């Protein structure tokens, strides 16, 4: 590390420690706060320097898209997940079940750090259309990583198919007496109330990949 600046050495040391302790990568904001750096742009500048030195690999647009390589790598690997649809009105999301997971088309896929899946195998990605979840830092054009699921806990963010409306939506799900409340994370939007028989959970959110301007 003799060619690295003191700031780069500090960042690399923090990233290594974070990986060791958490088993997933830090965000740029994590690095900024932990290393006392003036702005996220300065962090990104130094991460690019570390990438040029072959010490890490960056996955642009992914909030935890830092992968250690070489002697730093440890257990860091990449995995490919299918991008199988879009959260928008229209046909149901073709979420595979346990018997058909291996038949998912790989025509549209993306590579992500393995740690973002946290060891889950049934992970897929969906493109986000709309602004109903902006207060949860999920914006129009982002990609959400989903775990296939038919049931979620109260307050978990889920991809939900509304049978009578023939629409799929990304909302926080709450079970109330005699109904389901699908709560947007946007103060300008009202919740959706629906009969439980009209609601089909197709997956729960486990991560977000941001679209960069």
N, C-alpha and C. Protein backbone atom coordinates (compact mmCIF):
# COMPACT_ATOMS: atom_id res chain seq x y z
N UNK A 1 0.82 -1.20 0.00
CA UNK A 1 0.00 0.00 0.00
C UNK A 1 0.86 1.26 0.00
N UNK A 2 2.12 1.14 -0.36
CA UNK A 2 3.02 2.29 -0.29
C UNK A 2 2.62 3.40 -1.25
N UNK A 3 1.92 3.05 -2.36
CA UNK A 3 1.53 4.07 -3.33
C UNK A 3 0.22 4.74 -2.97
N UNK A 4 -0.43 4.32 -1.93
CA UNK A 4 -1.73 4.87 -1.55
C UNK A 4 -1.55 6.10 -0.67
N UNK A 5 -2.52 7.01 -0.79
CA UNK A 5 -2.54 8.16 0.11
C UNK A 5 -3.01 7.71 1.48
N UNK A 6 -2.80 8.55 2.48
CA UNK A 6 -3.26 8.22 3.83
C UNK A 6 -4.77 8.03 3.85
N UNK A 7 -5.48 8.85 3.08
CA UNK A 7 -6.94 8.74 3.04
C UNK A 7 -7.35 7.41 2.43
N UNK A 8 -6.68 6.99 1.36
CA UNK A 8 -7.01 5.72 0.73
C UNK A 8 -6.71 4.55 1.66
N UNK A 9 -5.59 4.63 2.37
CA UNK A 9 -5.25 3.58 3.34
C UNK A 9 -6.33 3.49 4.42
N UNK A 10 -6.79 4.65 4.88
CA UNK A 10 -7.81 4.67 5.93
C UNK A 10 -9.11 4.06 5.42
N UNK A 11 -9.48 4.40 4.19
CA UNK A 11 -10.70 3.86 3.60
C UNK A 11 -10.59 2.35 3.44
N UNK A 12 -9.47 1.88 2.90
CA UNK A 12 -9.29 0.45 2.68
C UNK A 12 -9.32 -0.32 3.99
N UNK A 13 -8.69 0.22 5.01
CA UNK A 13 -8.70 -0.43 6.32
C UNK A 13 -10.12 -0.53 6.85
N UNK A 14 -10.90 0.55 6.70
CA UNK A 14 -12.28 0.53 7.18
C UNK A 14 -13.12 -0.48 6.40
N UNK A 15 -12.97 -0.49 5.07
CA UNK A 15 -13.75 -1.42 4.26
C UNK A 15 -13.44 -2.86 4.64
N UNK A 16 -12.16 -3.16 4.82
CA UNK A 16 -11.77 -4.52 5.24
C UNK A 16 -12.42 -4.89 6.57
N UNK A 17 -12.35 -3.96 7.54
CA UNK A 17 -12.91 -4.22 8.87
C UNK A 17 -14.42 -4.39 8.79
N UNK A 18 -15.07 -3.54 8.01
CA UNK A 18 -16.52 -3.61 7.86
C UNK A 18 -16.92 -4.96 7.27
N UNK A 19 -16.21 -5.37 6.21
CA UNK A 19 -16.47 -6.68 5.60
C UNK A 19 -16.32 -7.79 6.63
N UNK A 20 -15.23 -7.75 7.41
CA UNK A 20 -14.96 -8.80 8.38
C UNK A 20 -16.05 -8.88 9.44
N UNK A 21 -16.50 -7.72 9.92
CA UNK A 21 -17.46 -7.68 11.02
C UNK A 21 -18.90 -7.92 10.56
N UNK A 22 -19.26 -7.38 9.39
CA UNK A 22 -20.65 -7.42 8.94
C UNK A 22 -20.93 -8.49 7.90
N UNK A 23 -19.91 -8.91 7.19
CA UNK A 23 -20.05 -9.87 6.09
C UNK A 23 -20.84 -9.30 4.91
N UNK A 24 -20.86 -7.98 4.79
CA UNK A 24 -21.38 -7.31 3.59
C UNK A 24 -20.68 -5.96 3.50
N UNK A 25 -20.68 -5.32 2.33
CA UNK A 25 -19.90 -4.10 2.14
C UNK A 25 -20.56 -2.86 2.73
N UNK A 26 -19.76 -1.83 3.05
CA UNK A 26 -20.32 -0.57 3.53
C UNK A 26 -20.84 0.28 2.38
N UNK A 27 -21.68 1.24 2.70
CA UNK A 27 -22.09 2.24 1.71
C UNK A 27 -21.05 3.35 1.66
N UNK A 28 -21.15 4.18 0.63
CA UNK A 28 -20.26 5.34 0.54
C UNK A 28 -20.45 6.24 1.76
N UNK A 29 -21.70 6.38 2.20
CA UNK A 29 -21.99 7.21 3.38
C UNK A 29 -21.36 6.60 4.64
N UNK A 30 -21.40 5.29 4.76
CA UNK A 30 -20.73 4.63 5.89
C UNK A 30 -19.26 5.00 5.93
N UNK A 31 -18.62 4.96 4.76
CA UNK A 31 -17.19 5.27 4.67
C UNK A 31 -16.95 6.73 5.02
N UNK A 32 -17.78 7.61 4.49
CA UNK A 32 -17.63 9.04 4.78
C UNK A 32 -17.69 9.31 6.28
N UNK A 33 -18.70 8.75 6.93
CA UNK A 33 -18.88 9.01 8.36
C UNK A 33 -17.77 8.38 9.20
N UNK A 34 -17.39 7.16 8.88
CA UNK A 34 -16.38 6.46 9.68
C UNK A 34 -14.99 7.05 9.52
N UNK A 35 -14.69 7.55 8.33
CA UNK A 35 -13.34 8.05 8.04
C UNK A 35 -13.23 9.56 8.15
N UNK A 36 -14.34 10.23 8.52
CA UNK A 36 -14.31 11.67 8.69
C UNK A 36 -13.98 12.42 7.41
N UNK A 37 -14.57 11.99 6.30
CA UNK A 37 -14.30 12.60 5.00
C UNK A 37 -15.37 13.65 4.71
N UNK A 38 -14.98 14.72 4.05
CA UNK A 38 -15.84 15.90 3.90
C UNK A 38 -17.08 15.66 3.06
N UNK A 39 -17.02 14.79 2.07
CA UNK A 39 -18.18 14.58 1.20
C UNK A 39 -18.12 13.19 0.58
N UNK A 40 -19.28 12.74 0.08
CA UNK A 40 -19.32 11.43 -0.57
C UNK A 40 -18.54 11.45 -1.88
N UNK A 41 -18.47 12.60 -2.54
CA UNK A 41 -17.72 12.68 -3.80
C UNK A 41 -16.24 12.43 -3.57
N UNK A 42 -15.72 12.88 -2.41
CA UNK A 42 -14.32 12.61 -2.08
C UNK A 42 -14.12 11.12 -1.82
N UNK A 43 -15.10 10.49 -1.18
CA UNK A 43 -15.03 9.04 -0.96
C UNK A 43 -14.97 8.32 -2.30
N UNK A 44 -15.88 8.69 -3.22
CA UNK A 44 -15.92 8.04 -4.53
C UNK A 44 -14.60 8.22 -5.27
N UNK A 45 -14.03 9.42 -5.21
CA UNK A 45 -12.75 9.70 -5.86
C UNK A 45 -11.66 8.74 -5.36
N UNK A 46 -11.63 8.54 -4.06
CA UNK A 46 -10.61 7.66 -3.48
C UNK A 46 -10.91 6.19 -3.73
N UNK A 47 -12.19 5.83 -3.78
CA UNK A 47 -12.54 4.45 -4.13
C UNK A 47 -12.09 4.13 -5.56
N UNK A 48 -12.22 5.10 -6.45
CA UNK A 48 -11.75 4.90 -7.83
C UNK A 48 -10.24 4.66 -7.85
N UNK A 49 -9.53 5.39 -6.98
CA UNK A 49 -8.09 5.18 -6.88
C UNK A 49 -7.74 3.79 -6.40
N UNK A 50 -8.48 3.31 -5.40
CA UNK A 50 -8.26 1.96 -4.89
C UNK A 50 -8.61 0.91 -5.94
N UNK A 51 -9.63 1.22 -6.76
CA UNK A 51 -9.99 0.29 -7.83
C UNK A 51 -8.88 0.23 -8.88
N UNK A 52 -8.30 1.38 -9.20
CA UNK A 52 -7.19 1.39 -10.17
C UNK A 52 -5.99 0.60 -9.66
N UNK A 53 -5.82 0.58 -8.35
CA UNK A 53 -4.72 -0.19 -7.75
C UNK A 53 -5.03 -1.68 -7.67
N UNK A 54 -6.24 -2.06 -8.07
CA UNK A 54 -6.61 -3.47 -8.05
C UNK A 54 -6.95 -4.01 -6.69
N UNK A 55 -7.31 -3.11 -5.75
CA UNK A 55 -7.59 -3.53 -4.38
C UNK A 55 -9.07 -3.77 -4.12
N UNK A 56 -9.92 -3.22 -4.96
CA UNK A 56 -11.35 -3.44 -4.83
C UNK A 56 -12.00 -3.26 -6.19
N UNK A 57 -13.25 -3.67 -6.27
CA UNK A 57 -14.05 -3.49 -7.49
C UNK A 57 -15.35 -2.81 -7.11
N UNK A 58 -15.72 -1.80 -7.88
CA UNK A 58 -16.96 -1.07 -7.62
C UNK A 58 -18.03 -1.50 -8.60
N UNK A 59 -19.28 -1.58 -8.11
CA UNK A 59 -20.43 -1.87 -8.95
C UNK A 59 -21.28 -0.60 -8.98
N UNK A 60 -21.10 0.26 -9.97
CA UNK A 60 -21.80 1.55 -10.01
C UNK A 60 -23.31 1.38 -9.92
N UNK A 61 -23.94 2.26 -9.13
CA UNK A 61 -25.38 2.25 -8.98
C UNK A 61 -25.90 1.37 -7.87
N UNK A 62 -25.03 0.55 -7.26
CA UNK A 62 -25.44 -0.30 -6.15
C UNK A 62 -24.97 0.34 -4.85
N UNK A 63 -25.89 0.53 -3.92
CA UNK A 63 -25.55 1.28 -2.71
C UNK A 63 -24.46 0.61 -1.88
N UNK A 64 -24.37 -0.72 -1.91
CA UNK A 64 -23.30 -1.44 -1.20
C UNK A 64 -22.44 -2.19 -2.23
N UNK A 65 -22.16 -1.53 -3.33
CA UNK A 65 -21.49 -2.18 -4.45
C UNK A 65 -19.98 -2.11 -4.40
N UNK A 66 -19.37 -2.47 -3.28
CA UNK A 66 -17.92 -2.50 -3.15
C UNK A 66 -17.49 -3.94 -2.90
N UNK A 67 -16.64 -4.44 -3.77
CA UNK A 67 -16.19 -5.83 -3.68
C UNK A 67 -14.68 -5.85 -3.53
N UNK A 68 -14.19 -6.43 -2.47
CA UNK A 68 -12.75 -6.58 -2.28
C UNK A 68 -12.22 -7.66 -3.22
N UNK A 69 -11.02 -7.44 -3.76
CA UNK A 69 -10.45 -8.40 -4.71
C UNK A 69 -9.03 -8.77 -4.29
N UNK A 70 -8.47 -9.76 -4.99
CA UNK A 70 -7.11 -10.17 -4.70
C UNK A 70 -6.96 -10.69 -3.29
N UNK A 71 -5.88 -10.30 -2.62
CA UNK A 71 -5.63 -10.75 -1.26
C UNK A 71 -6.64 -10.18 -0.28
N UNK A 72 -7.38 -9.14 -0.69
CA UNK A 72 -8.38 -8.52 0.18
C UNK A 72 -9.71 -9.25 0.14
N UNK A 73 -9.87 -10.15 -0.85
CA UNK A 73 -11.21 -10.60 -1.21
C UNK A 73 -11.90 -11.40 -0.13
N UNK A 74 -11.18 -12.25 0.60
CA UNK A 74 -11.86 -13.10 1.57
C UNK A 74 -12.88 -13.96 0.86
N UNK A 75 -14.15 -13.83 1.28
CA UNK A 75 -15.22 -14.62 0.69
C UNK A 75 -16.04 -13.81 -0.31
N UNK A 76 -15.54 -12.67 -0.75
CA UNK A 76 -16.31 -11.80 -1.64
C UNK A 76 -16.43 -12.40 -3.03
N UNK A 77 -17.64 -12.55 -3.54
CA UNK A 77 -17.89 -13.05 -4.89
C UNK A 77 -19.09 -12.32 -5.46
N UNK A 78 -19.27 -12.48 -6.77
CA UNK A 78 -20.44 -11.91 -7.43
C UNK A 78 -21.41 -13.03 -7.78
N UNK A 79 -22.68 -12.69 -7.86
CA UNK A 79 -23.70 -13.63 -8.30
C UNK A 79 -24.55 -12.95 -9.36
N UNK A 80 -25.17 -13.74 -10.20
CA UNK A 80 -26.05 -13.22 -11.24
C UNK A 80 -27.49 -13.50 -10.84
N UNK A 81 -28.33 -12.48 -10.89
CA UNK A 81 -29.75 -12.65 -10.56
C UNK A 81 -30.59 -12.25 -11.77
N UNK A 82 -31.74 -12.89 -11.97
CA UNK A 82 -32.60 -12.53 -13.10
C UNK A 82 -33.38 -11.26 -12.83
N UNK A 83 -33.52 -10.43 -13.85
CA UNK A 83 -34.40 -9.26 -13.79
C UNK A 83 -35.67 -9.69 -14.51
N UNK A 84 -36.75 -9.93 -13.75
CA UNK A 84 -37.89 -10.64 -14.32
C UNK A 84 -39.12 -9.78 -14.53
N UNK A 85 -39.04 -8.49 -14.29
CA UNK A 85 -40.21 -7.67 -14.53
C UNK A 85 -40.07 -6.27 -14.01
N UNK A 86 -41.22 -5.59 -13.96
CA UNK A 86 -41.28 -4.20 -13.53
C UNK A 86 -42.44 -4.02 -12.58
N UNK A 87 -42.22 -3.24 -11.52
CA UNK A 87 -43.30 -2.92 -10.59
C UNK A 87 -44.14 -1.83 -11.23
N UNK A 88 -45.23 -2.24 -11.88
CA UNK A 88 -46.12 -1.30 -12.56
C UNK A 88 -47.43 -2.03 -12.85
N UNK A 89 -48.46 -1.28 -13.26
CA UNK A 89 -49.72 -1.91 -13.61
C UNK A 89 -49.52 -2.81 -14.83
N UNK A 90 -50.19 -3.96 -14.83
CA UNK A 90 -50.04 -4.86 -15.96
C UNK A 90 -50.12 -6.31 -15.53
N UNK A 91 -49.48 -7.15 -16.29
CA UNK A 91 -49.56 -8.59 -16.04
C UNK A 91 -48.85 -8.97 -14.75
N UNK A 92 -49.23 -10.08 -14.13
CA UNK A 92 -48.56 -10.51 -12.90
C UNK A 92 -47.07 -10.72 -13.12
N UNK A 93 -46.29 -10.50 -12.07
CA UNK A 93 -44.86 -10.76 -12.14
C UNK A 93 -44.67 -12.27 -12.20
N UNK A 94 -43.90 -12.78 -13.15
CA UNK A 94 -43.73 -14.23 -13.27
C UNK A 94 -42.72 -14.78 -12.28
N UNK A 95 -43.06 -14.71 -11.00
CA UNK A 95 -42.14 -15.18 -9.96
C UNK A 95 -42.10 -16.70 -9.96
N UNK A 96 -40.91 -17.29 -10.10
CA UNK A 96 -40.82 -18.75 -10.10
C UNK A 96 -41.07 -19.33 -8.72
N UNK A 97 -41.52 -20.59 -8.69
CA UNK A 97 -41.67 -21.27 -7.41
C UNK A 97 -40.51 -22.25 -7.23
N UNK A 98 -40.55 -22.98 -6.14
CA UNK A 98 -39.42 -23.86 -5.80
C UNK A 98 -39.15 -24.90 -6.88
N UNK A 99 -40.20 -25.31 -7.61
CA UNK A 99 -40.04 -26.36 -8.61
C UNK A 99 -39.58 -25.83 -9.96
N UNK A 100 -39.74 -24.52 -10.20
CA UNK A 100 -39.44 -23.98 -11.52
C UNK A 100 -38.33 -22.94 -11.51
N UNK A 101 -37.67 -22.77 -10.36
CA UNK A 101 -36.66 -21.70 -10.27
C UNK A 101 -35.56 -21.86 -11.31
N UNK A 102 -35.14 -23.07 -11.60
CA UNK A 102 -34.04 -23.30 -12.54
C UNK A 102 -34.43 -22.98 -13.98
N UNK A 103 -35.72 -22.77 -14.25
CA UNK A 103 -36.16 -22.51 -15.62
C UNK A 103 -36.28 -21.02 -15.91
N UNK A 104 -35.95 -20.16 -14.94
CA UNK A 104 -36.06 -18.72 -15.16
C UNK A 104 -35.18 -18.29 -16.33
N UNK A 105 -35.73 -17.49 -17.22
CA UNK A 105 -34.96 -16.98 -18.35
C UNK A 105 -33.85 -16.07 -17.86
N UNK A 106 -32.68 -16.24 -18.45
CA UNK A 106 -31.55 -15.38 -18.09
C UNK A 106 -31.30 -14.32 -19.16
N UNK A 107 -32.33 -14.05 -19.99
CA UNK A 107 -32.17 -13.06 -21.05
C UNK A 107 -31.86 -11.69 -20.47
N UNK A 108 -32.42 -11.38 -19.31
CA UNK A 108 -32.16 -10.10 -18.65
C UNK A 108 -31.67 -10.41 -17.24
N UNK A 109 -30.40 -10.17 -16.99
CA UNK A 109 -29.81 -10.48 -15.70
C UNK A 109 -28.93 -9.33 -15.25
N UNK A 110 -28.52 -9.37 -13.99
CA UNK A 110 -27.56 -8.40 -13.48
C UNK A 110 -26.63 -9.09 -12.49
N UNK A 111 -25.40 -8.61 -12.44
CA UNK A 111 -24.42 -9.16 -11.52
C UNK A 111 -24.30 -8.25 -10.31
N UNK A 112 -24.34 -8.85 -9.12
CA UNK A 112 -24.28 -8.09 -7.88
C UNK A 112 -23.33 -8.80 -6.91
N UNK A 113 -22.80 -8.08 -5.90
CA UNK A 113 -22.00 -8.75 -4.88
C UNK A 113 -22.84 -9.81 -4.16
N UNK A 114 -22.26 -10.97 -3.95
CA UNK A 114 -22.98 -12.08 -3.33
C UNK A 114 -23.55 -11.71 -1.97
N UNK A 115 -22.86 -10.84 -1.26
CA UNK A 115 -23.29 -10.47 0.09
C UNK A 115 -24.64 -9.76 0.09
N UNK A 116 -25.02 -9.14 -1.04
CA UNK A 116 -26.32 -8.46 -1.08
C UNK A 116 -27.47 -9.46 -1.01
N UNK A 117 -27.23 -10.70 -1.39
CA UNK A 117 -28.28 -11.71 -1.31
C UNK A 117 -28.33 -12.38 0.06
N UNK A 118 -27.29 -12.14 0.89
CA UNK A 118 -27.20 -12.71 2.24
C UNK A 118 -27.44 -14.22 2.24
N UNK A 119 -26.91 -14.89 1.23
CA UNK A 119 -26.99 -16.34 1.17
C UNK A 119 -28.28 -16.89 0.61
N UNK A 120 -29.24 -16.02 0.28
CA UNK A 120 -30.50 -16.51 -0.27
C UNK A 120 -30.30 -16.95 -1.72
N UNK A 121 -31.01 -17.99 -2.12
CA UNK A 121 -30.88 -18.51 -3.48
C UNK A 121 -32.00 -18.02 -4.40
N UNK A 122 -33.20 -17.82 -3.85
CA UNK A 122 -34.37 -17.46 -4.66
C UNK A 122 -34.51 -15.94 -4.74
N UNK A 123 -33.50 -15.29 -5.29
CA UNK A 123 -33.47 -13.83 -5.38
C UNK A 123 -33.65 -13.40 -6.83
N UNK A 124 -34.47 -12.39 -7.04
CA UNK A 124 -34.66 -11.84 -8.37
C UNK A 124 -34.73 -10.32 -8.27
N UNK A 125 -34.71 -9.65 -9.40
CA UNK A 125 -34.73 -8.18 -9.41
C UNK A 125 -35.92 -7.68 -10.20
N UNK A 126 -36.44 -6.52 -9.77
CA UNK A 126 -37.55 -5.86 -10.46
C UNK A 126 -37.21 -4.39 -10.65
N UNK A 127 -37.54 -3.85 -11.81
CA UNK A 127 -37.37 -2.44 -12.07
C UNK A 127 -38.54 -1.67 -11.44
N UNK A 128 -38.24 -0.54 -10.83
CA UNK A 128 -39.27 0.26 -10.16
C UNK A 128 -39.78 1.34 -11.11
N UNK A 129 -41.10 1.45 -11.20
CA UNK A 129 -41.73 2.51 -11.98
C UNK A 129 -42.68 3.27 -11.07
N UNK A 130 -42.41 4.56 -10.83
CA UNK A 130 -43.26 5.36 -9.96
C UNK A 130 -42.52 5.88 -8.74
N UNK A 131 -43.21 6.71 -7.97
CA UNK A 131 -42.57 7.40 -6.84
C UNK A 131 -43.26 7.12 -5.51
N UNK A 132 -44.01 6.02 -5.42
CA UNK A 132 -44.77 5.77 -4.20
C UNK A 132 -43.90 5.40 -3.01
N UNK A 133 -42.62 5.06 -3.23
CA UNK A 133 -41.77 4.63 -2.13
C UNK A 133 -40.55 5.53 -1.96
N UNK A 134 -40.66 6.79 -2.38
CA UNK A 134 -39.48 7.67 -2.34
C UNK A 134 -39.00 7.94 -0.93
N UNK A 135 -39.90 7.95 0.05
CA UNK A 135 -39.48 8.20 1.44
C UNK A 135 -38.76 6.99 2.03
N UNK A 136 -38.81 5.86 1.34
CA UNK A 136 -38.02 4.68 1.71
C UNK A 136 -36.77 4.61 0.84
N UNK A 137 -36.46 5.73 0.17
CA UNK A 137 -35.26 5.85 -0.68
C UNK A 137 -35.29 4.89 -1.85
N UNK A 138 -36.50 4.63 -2.36
CA UNK A 138 -36.67 3.84 -3.58
C UNK A 138 -37.33 4.75 -4.61
N UNK A 139 -36.60 5.05 -5.67
CA UNK A 139 -37.05 6.03 -6.65
C UNK A 139 -37.40 5.40 -7.99
N UNK A 140 -38.10 6.15 -8.80
CA UNK A 140 -38.43 5.74 -10.15
C UNK A 140 -37.14 5.40 -10.90
N UNK A 141 -37.08 4.22 -11.50
CA UNK A 141 -35.89 3.81 -12.23
C UNK A 141 -34.93 2.94 -11.44
N UNK A 142 -35.10 2.88 -10.11
CA UNK A 142 -34.26 2.01 -9.30
C UNK A 142 -34.62 0.53 -9.55
N UNK A 143 -33.79 -0.34 -9.04
CA UNK A 143 -34.05 -1.78 -9.11
C UNK A 143 -34.10 -2.32 -7.69
N UNK A 144 -35.14 -3.10 -7.39
CA UNK A 144 -35.23 -3.72 -6.07
C UNK A 144 -34.86 -5.19 -6.17
N UNK A 145 -34.09 -5.65 -5.20
CA UNK A 145 -33.78 -7.07 -5.08
C UNK A 145 -34.86 -7.71 -4.22
N UNK A 146 -35.45 -8.78 -4.72
CA UNK A 146 -36.57 -9.42 -4.06
C UNK A 146 -36.23 -10.86 -3.71
N UNK A 147 -36.79 -11.31 -2.59
CA UNK A 147 -36.77 -12.73 -2.27
C UNK A 147 -38.17 -13.27 -2.52
N UNK A 148 -38.26 -14.34 -3.29
CA UNK A 148 -39.56 -14.94 -3.54
C UNK A 148 -40.22 -15.31 -2.22
N UNK A 149 -41.47 -14.88 -2.04
CA UNK A 149 -42.19 -15.14 -0.78
C UNK A 149 -43.68 -15.02 -1.03
N UNK A 150 -44.45 -15.79 -0.32
CA UNK A 150 -45.91 -15.71 -0.38
C UNK A 150 -46.48 -15.02 0.85
N UNK A 151 -45.66 -14.89 1.90
CA UNK A 151 -46.10 -14.27 3.15
C UNK A 151 -45.01 -13.32 3.61
N UNK A 152 -45.40 -12.15 4.14
CA UNK A 152 -44.45 -11.21 4.73
C UNK A 152 -44.98 -10.77 6.09
N UNK A 153 -44.09 -10.26 6.91
CA UNK A 153 -44.49 -9.74 8.21
C UNK A 153 -45.12 -8.36 8.04
N UNK A 154 -45.93 -7.95 9.03
CA UNK A 154 -46.51 -6.61 9.02
C UNK A 154 -45.42 -5.56 8.90
N UNK A 155 -45.59 -4.65 7.97
CA UNK A 155 -44.64 -3.56 7.80
C UNK A 155 -43.52 -3.86 6.83
N UNK A 156 -43.41 -5.10 6.36
CA UNK A 156 -42.37 -5.42 5.38
C UNK A 156 -42.79 -4.90 4.01
N UNK A 157 -41.79 -4.53 3.22
CA UNK A 157 -42.04 -4.03 1.88
C UNK A 157 -42.15 -5.21 0.93
N UNK A 158 -43.24 -5.24 0.16
CA UNK A 158 -43.51 -6.41 -0.66
C UNK A 158 -43.99 -6.02 -2.06
N UNK A 159 -43.76 -6.93 -2.99
CA UNK A 159 -44.37 -6.84 -4.31
C UNK A 159 -45.70 -7.58 -4.21
N UNK A 160 -46.79 -6.86 -4.47
CA UNK A 160 -48.13 -7.40 -4.25
C UNK A 160 -48.94 -7.34 -5.54
N UNK A 161 -49.54 -8.47 -5.89
CA UNK A 161 -50.43 -8.54 -7.05
C UNK A 161 -51.86 -8.37 -6.56
N UNK A 162 -52.57 -7.36 -7.12
CA UNK A 162 -53.97 -7.12 -6.80
C UNK A 162 -54.81 -7.78 -7.89
N UNK A 163 -55.50 -8.84 -7.53
CA UNK A 163 -56.16 -9.68 -8.53
C UNK A 163 -57.21 -8.93 -9.34
N UNK A 164 -58.15 -8.25 -8.67
CA UNK A 164 -59.23 -7.60 -9.40
C UNK A 164 -58.75 -6.42 -10.23
N UNK A 165 -57.75 -5.71 -9.75
CA UNK A 165 -57.21 -4.57 -10.49
C UNK A 165 -56.23 -4.98 -11.58
N UNK A 166 -55.80 -6.24 -11.52
CA UNK A 166 -54.79 -6.76 -12.45
C UNK A 166 -53.57 -5.84 -12.48
N UNK A 167 -53.07 -5.53 -11.29
CA UNK A 167 -51.94 -4.61 -11.16
C UNK A 167 -51.00 -5.12 -10.08
N UNK A 168 -49.74 -4.83 -10.25
CA UNK A 168 -48.74 -5.17 -9.24
C UNK A 168 -48.19 -3.88 -8.66
N UNK A 169 -47.94 -3.89 -7.36
CA UNK A 169 -47.48 -2.67 -6.70
C UNK A 169 -46.45 -2.99 -5.63
N UNK A 170 -45.60 -2.02 -5.36
CA UNK A 170 -44.58 -2.16 -4.32
C UNK A 170 -44.98 -1.29 -3.14
N UNK A 171 -45.33 -1.91 -2.02
CA UNK A 171 -45.82 -1.16 -0.86
C UNK A 171 -45.42 -1.90 0.43
N UNK A 172 -45.54 -1.20 1.55
CA UNK A 172 -45.45 -1.86 2.85
C UNK A 172 -46.81 -2.45 3.17
N UNK A 173 -46.81 -3.70 3.61
CA UNK A 173 -48.07 -4.41 3.83
C UNK A 173 -48.40 -4.49 5.31
N UNK A 174 -49.66 -4.15 5.62
CA UNK A 174 -50.16 -4.23 7.00
C UNK A 174 -51.49 -4.98 6.99
N UNK A 175 -51.63 -5.94 7.89
CA UNK A 175 -52.89 -6.66 8.04
C UNK A 175 -53.73 -5.96 9.11
N UNK A 176 -54.93 -5.55 8.73
CA UNK A 176 -55.86 -4.92 9.65
C UNK A 176 -57.14 -5.74 9.69
N UNK A 177 -58.02 -5.43 10.59
CA UNK A 177 -59.25 -6.22 10.75
C UNK A 177 -60.05 -6.24 9.45
N UNK A 178 -60.13 -7.40 8.82
CA UNK A 178 -60.93 -7.57 7.63
C UNK A 178 -60.36 -6.98 6.36
N UNK A 179 -59.14 -6.48 6.41
CA UNK A 179 -58.60 -5.86 5.20
C UNK A 179 -57.06 -5.84 5.24
N UNK A 180 -56.48 -5.54 4.09
CA UNK A 180 -55.05 -5.34 3.96
C UNK A 180 -54.80 -3.87 3.61
N UNK A 181 -53.86 -3.26 4.33
CA UNK A 181 -53.46 -1.88 3.98
C UNK A 181 -52.10 -1.93 3.31
N UNK A 182 -52.04 -1.38 2.11
CA UNK A 182 -50.79 -1.27 1.37
C UNK A 182 -50.35 0.18 1.44
N UNK A 183 -49.32 0.41 2.22
CA UNK A 183 -48.92 1.77 2.59
C UNK A 183 -47.75 2.27 1.73
N UNK A 184 -47.96 3.36 0.98
CA UNK A 184 -46.84 3.94 0.24
C UNK A 184 -45.91 4.69 1.18
N UNK A 185 -44.66 4.84 0.78
CA UNK A 185 -43.71 5.65 1.54
C UNK A 185 -43.56 6.97 0.80
N UNK A 186 -44.67 7.69 0.74
CA UNK A 186 -44.73 8.99 0.07
C UNK A 186 -45.90 9.75 0.69
N UNK A 187 -45.60 10.85 1.35
CA UNK A 187 -46.64 11.59 2.07
C UNK A 187 -47.69 12.19 1.15
N UNK A 188 -47.40 12.23 -0.15
CA UNK A 188 -48.36 12.78 -1.10
C UNK A 188 -49.34 11.73 -1.62
N UNK A 189 -49.18 10.49 -1.18
CA UNK A 189 -50.03 9.41 -1.68
C UNK A 189 -50.79 8.74 -0.54
N UNK A 190 -51.99 8.27 -0.86
CA UNK A 190 -52.85 7.61 0.11
C UNK A 190 -52.62 6.09 0.09
N UNK A 191 -52.88 5.42 1.22
CA UNK A 191 -52.75 3.96 1.23
C UNK A 191 -53.83 3.30 0.38
N UNK A 192 -53.56 2.08 -0.02
CA UNK A 192 -54.52 1.26 -0.74
C UNK A 192 -55.09 0.25 0.25
N UNK A 193 -56.42 0.15 0.32
CA UNK A 193 -57.07 -0.84 1.17
C UNK A 193 -57.69 -1.91 0.28
N UNK A 194 -57.52 -3.16 0.65
CA UNK A 194 -58.02 -4.23 -0.20
C UNK A 194 -58.45 -5.42 0.64
N UNK A 195 -59.36 -6.21 0.09
CA UNK A 195 -59.79 -7.45 0.72
C UNK A 195 -58.61 -8.43 0.72
N UNK A 196 -58.41 -9.18 1.80
CA UNK A 196 -57.29 -10.12 1.83
C UNK A 196 -57.28 -11.10 0.67
N UNK A 197 -58.47 -11.51 0.19
CA UNK A 197 -58.53 -12.46 -0.92
C UNK A 197 -58.09 -11.85 -2.24
N UNK A 198 -58.00 -10.52 -2.28
CA UNK A 198 -57.60 -9.83 -3.51
C UNK A 198 -56.09 -9.60 -3.58
N UNK A 199 -55.40 -9.92 -2.49
CA UNK A 199 -53.97 -9.60 -2.38
C UNK A 199 -53.13 -10.87 -2.45
N UNK A 200 -52.17 -10.87 -3.35
CA UNK A 200 -51.23 -11.99 -3.47
C UNK A 200 -49.80 -11.47 -3.36
N UNK A 201 -49.12 -11.84 -2.28
CA UNK A 201 -47.72 -11.44 -2.10
C UNK A 201 -46.85 -12.27 -3.05
N UNK A 202 -45.96 -11.60 -3.77
CA UNK A 202 -45.09 -12.30 -4.71
C UNK A 202 -43.61 -12.22 -4.34
N UNK A 203 -43.29 -11.40 -3.35
CA UNK A 203 -41.90 -11.31 -2.92
C UNK A 203 -41.71 -10.18 -1.94
N UNK A 204 -40.60 -10.21 -1.21
CA UNK A 204 -40.29 -9.13 -0.28
C UNK A 204 -38.95 -8.51 -0.64
N UNK A 205 -38.84 -7.22 -0.36
CA UNK A 205 -37.63 -6.46 -0.71
C UNK A 205 -36.50 -6.81 0.25
N UNK A 206 -35.33 -7.11 -0.32
CA UNK A 206 -34.14 -7.35 0.52
C UNK A 206 -33.01 -6.39 0.18
N UNK A 207 -33.19 -5.56 -0.85
CA UNK A 207 -32.14 -4.61 -1.20
C UNK A 207 -32.58 -3.70 -2.33
N UNK A 208 -31.85 -2.62 -2.51
CA UNK A 208 -32.16 -1.64 -3.55
C UNK A 208 -30.89 -1.30 -4.32
N UNK A 209 -31.00 -1.27 -5.63
CA UNK A 209 -29.91 -0.85 -6.50
C UNK A 209 -30.33 0.46 -7.14
N UNK A 210 -29.63 1.51 -6.84
CA UNK A 210 -30.04 2.84 -7.26
C UNK A 210 -29.63 3.13 -8.69
N UNK A 211 -30.53 3.81 -9.38
CA UNK A 211 -30.19 4.30 -10.71
C UNK A 211 -29.41 5.59 -10.57
N UNK A 212 -28.23 5.63 -11.13
CA UNK A 212 -27.40 6.82 -11.04
C UNK A 212 -27.73 7.76 -12.19
N UNK A 213 -27.75 9.08 -11.86
CA UNK A 213 -28.01 10.08 -12.90
C UNK A 213 -26.87 10.09 -13.91
